[in-house]
């Protein structure tokens, strides 16, 4: 092997390492972003009020939830 092909192989290897590191950083950022969104959605869902159940007796509220 001549020195040109060795340098080329080394440079390619270094470029691939840098690319892999960049992908790792981007994946970690995406994971943190998704975790943050999941946490915010969980807080939003837990803050929502639950609707009362339909009435079981009577002529009003047994088929349609009339609670306003």
N, C-alpha and C. Protein backbone atom coordinates (compact mmCIF):
# COMPACT_ATOMS: atom_id res chain seq x y z
N UNK A 1 0.84 -1.19 0.00
CA UNK A 1 0.00 0.00 0.00
C UNK A 1 0.88 1.25 0.00
N UNK A 2 0.48 2.19 -0.78
CA UNK A 2 1.21 3.44 -0.77
C UNK A 2 0.64 4.36 0.31
N UNK A 3 1.36 5.42 0.58
CA UNK A 3 0.95 6.32 1.67
C UNK A 3 -0.35 7.04 1.35
N UNK A 4 -0.66 7.24 0.09
CA UNK A 4 -1.89 7.91 -0.30
C UNK A 4 -3.11 7.10 0.06
N UNK A 5 -3.06 5.79 -0.19
CA UNK A 5 -4.21 4.94 0.13
C UNK A 5 -4.34 4.75 1.64
N UNK A 6 -3.23 4.74 2.35
CA UNK A 6 -3.28 4.63 3.82
C UNK A 6 -3.92 5.89 4.40
N UNK A 7 -3.48 7.05 3.90
CA UNK A 7 -4.07 8.31 4.37
C UNK A 7 -5.56 8.37 4.07
N UNK A 8 -5.92 7.89 2.89
CA UNK A 8 -7.32 7.88 2.49
C UNK A 8 -8.14 6.98 3.42
N UNK A 9 -7.60 5.82 3.75
CA UNK A 9 -8.29 4.89 4.65
C UNK A 9 -8.43 5.48 6.05
N UNK A 10 -7.40 6.12 6.53
CA UNK A 10 -7.43 6.75 7.85
C UNK A 10 -8.44 7.89 7.86
N UNK A 11 -8.43 8.72 6.83
CA UNK A 11 -9.37 9.84 6.76
C UNK A 11 -10.81 9.34 6.68
N UNK A 12 -11.03 8.28 5.93
CA UNK A 12 -12.38 7.70 5.84
C UNK A 12 -12.82 7.16 7.18
N UNK A 13 -11.93 6.51 7.86
CA UNK A 13 -12.24 5.98 9.19
C UNK A 13 -12.58 7.09 10.17
N UNK A 14 -11.80 8.15 10.15
CA UNK A 14 -12.06 9.28 11.04
C UNK A 14 -13.38 9.96 10.71
N UNK A 15 -13.68 10.07 9.42
CA UNK A 15 -14.95 10.68 9.01
C UNK A 15 -16.13 9.83 9.47
N UNK A 16 -16.01 8.52 9.37
CA UNK A 16 -17.08 7.63 9.83
C UNK A 16 -17.26 7.72 11.35
N UNK A 17 -16.16 7.82 12.08
CA UNK A 17 -16.26 7.98 13.53
C UNK A 17 -16.99 9.27 13.88
N UNK A 18 -16.65 10.34 13.20
CA UNK A 18 -17.29 11.63 13.45
C UNK A 18 -18.78 11.55 13.12
N UNK A 19 -19.10 10.91 12.02
CA UNK A 19 -20.49 10.77 11.61
C UNK A 19 -21.27 9.96 12.65
N UNK A 20 -20.67 8.88 13.14
CA UNK A 20 -21.34 8.06 14.17
C UNK A 20 -21.55 8.85 15.46
N UNK A 21 -20.59 9.66 15.83
CA UNK A 21 -20.74 10.49 17.03
C UNK A 21 -21.85 11.50 16.85
N UNK A 22 -21.93 12.10 15.67
CA UNK A 22 -23.00 13.06 15.40
C UNK A 22 -24.37 12.39 15.46
N UNK A 23 -24.47 11.18 14.93
CA UNK A 23 -25.74 10.46 14.98
C UNK A 23 -26.12 10.11 16.41
N UNK A 24 -25.14 9.76 17.22
CA UNK A 24 -25.40 9.47 18.64
C UNK A 24 -25.94 10.69 19.36
N UNK A 25 -25.33 11.84 19.10
CA UNK A 25 -25.78 13.09 19.72
C UNK A 25 -27.20 13.41 19.29
N UNK A 26 -27.49 13.26 18.02
CA UNK A 26 -28.83 13.54 17.51
C UNK A 26 -29.85 12.56 18.10
N UNK A 27 -29.49 11.30 18.22
CA UNK A 27 -30.40 10.31 18.80
C UNK A 27 -30.68 10.62 20.26
N UNK A 28 -29.65 11.03 21.00
CA UNK A 28 -29.85 11.39 22.41
C UNK A 28 -30.76 12.61 22.54
N UNK A 29 -30.57 13.59 21.66
CA UNK A 29 -31.41 14.78 21.68
C UNK A 29 -32.87 14.41 21.37
N UNK A 30 -33.07 13.56 20.39
CA UNK A 30 -34.42 13.10 20.04
C UNK A 30 -35.04 12.36 21.21
N UNK A 31 -34.28 11.49 21.85
CA UNK A 31 -34.79 10.72 23.00
C UNK A 31 -35.20 11.65 24.13
N UNK A 32 -34.37 12.67 24.42
CA UNK A 32 -34.70 13.62 25.47
C UNK A 32 -35.95 14.42 25.12
N UNK A 33 -36.05 14.81 23.85
CA UNK A 33 -37.21 15.56 23.39
C UNK A 33 -38.49 14.73 23.52
N UNK A 34 -38.43 13.47 23.13
CA UNK A 34 -39.60 12.59 23.25
C UNK A 34 -39.97 12.33 24.70
N UNK A 35 -38.97 12.16 25.55
CA UNK A 35 -39.24 11.98 26.98
C UNK A 35 -39.91 13.21 27.57
N UNK A 36 -39.45 14.39 27.16
CA UNK A 36 -40.04 15.63 27.65
C UNK A 36 -41.48 15.76 27.18
N UNK A 37 -41.74 15.43 25.93
CA UNK A 37 -43.11 15.49 25.41
C UNK A 37 -44.01 14.50 26.13
N UNK A 38 -43.51 13.31 26.39
CA UNK A 38 -44.30 12.30 27.10
C UNK A 38 -44.62 12.77 28.51
N UNK A 39 -43.67 13.40 29.16
CA UNK A 39 -43.89 13.92 30.50
C UNK A 39 -44.94 15.02 30.49
N UNK A 40 -44.84 15.93 29.54
CA UNK A 40 -45.81 17.01 29.43
C UNK A 40 -47.20 16.48 29.12
N UNK A 41 -47.29 15.49 28.26
CA UNK A 41 -48.58 14.90 27.93
C UNK A 41 -49.17 14.19 29.15
N UNK A 42 -48.33 13.52 29.92
CA UNK A 42 -48.80 12.87 31.14
C UNK A 42 -49.35 13.88 32.12
N UNK A 43 -48.68 15.02 32.28
CA UNK A 43 -49.16 16.06 33.18
C UNK A 43 -50.48 16.63 32.67
N UNK A 44 -50.59 16.84 31.36
CA UNK A 44 -51.82 17.36 30.79
C UNK A 44 -52.98 16.39 30.99
N UNK A 45 -52.73 15.13 30.75
CA UNK A 45 -53.79 14.12 30.90
C UNK A 45 -54.21 13.98 32.36
N UNK A 46 -53.28 14.07 33.28
CA UNK A 46 -53.63 13.93 34.69
C UNK A 46 -54.37 15.15 35.21
N UNK A 47 -54.21 16.30 34.54
CA UNK A 47 -54.89 17.50 35.00
C UNK A 47 -56.33 17.57 34.47
N UNK A 48 -56.66 16.75 33.49
CA UNK A 48 -58.00 16.77 32.93
C UNK A 48 -58.99 16.15 33.92
N UNK A 49 -60.19 16.73 33.98
CA UNK A 49 -61.22 16.20 34.84
C UNK A 49 -61.85 14.99 34.17
N UNK A 50 -62.25 14.05 34.99
CA UNK A 50 -62.97 12.90 34.45
C UNK A 50 -64.45 13.24 34.39
N UNK A 51 -65.10 12.80 33.34
CA UNK A 51 -66.51 13.09 33.19
C UNK A 51 -67.31 12.11 34.04
N UNK A 52 -68.42 12.59 34.60
CA UNK A 52 -69.25 11.68 35.39
C UNK A 52 -69.89 10.62 34.50
N UNK A 53 -70.20 9.49 35.09
CA UNK A 53 -70.80 8.40 34.34
C UNK A 53 -72.26 8.73 34.03
N UNK A 54 -72.82 8.03 33.05
CA UNK A 54 -74.22 8.21 32.71
C UNK A 54 -75.10 7.81 33.89
N UNK A 55 -76.25 8.43 33.99
CA UNK A 55 -77.21 8.06 35.03
C UNK A 55 -77.70 6.64 34.77
N UNK A 56 -78.02 5.94 35.83
CA UNK A 56 -78.50 4.56 35.67
C UNK A 56 -80.01 4.47 35.85
N UNK A 57 -80.62 5.49 36.40
CA UNK A 57 -82.08 5.48 36.59
C UNK A 57 -82.65 6.81 36.13
N UNK A 58 -83.94 6.83 35.89
CA UNK A 58 -84.60 8.06 35.49
C UNK A 58 -84.74 8.15 33.98
N UNK A 59 -85.36 9.23 33.54
CA UNK A 59 -85.61 9.39 32.10
C UNK A 59 -84.59 10.31 31.43
N UNK A 60 -83.76 10.98 32.19
CA UNK A 60 -82.79 11.91 31.63
C UNK A 60 -81.37 11.44 31.98
N UNK A 61 -80.52 11.42 30.99
CA UNK A 61 -79.11 11.13 31.24
C UNK A 61 -78.74 9.67 31.20
N UNK A 62 -79.67 8.80 30.81
CA UNK A 62 -79.33 7.37 30.77
C UNK A 62 -78.76 6.95 29.42
N UNK A 63 -79.01 7.73 28.36
CA UNK A 63 -78.52 7.39 27.04
C UNK A 63 -77.46 8.38 26.55
N UNK A 64 -77.63 9.63 26.93
CA UNK A 64 -76.72 10.70 26.50
C UNK A 64 -76.24 11.43 27.74
N UNK A 65 -74.97 11.73 27.78
CA UNK A 65 -74.42 12.45 28.90
C UNK A 65 -74.88 13.90 28.80
N UNK A 66 -75.76 14.32 29.70
CA UNK A 66 -76.32 15.67 29.66
C UNK A 66 -75.59 16.62 30.58
N UNK A 67 -74.50 16.18 31.18
CA UNK A 67 -73.73 17.03 32.08
C UNK A 67 -73.05 18.12 31.26
N UNK A 68 -73.16 19.34 31.71
CA UNK A 68 -72.54 20.44 30.97
C UNK A 68 -71.51 21.12 31.85
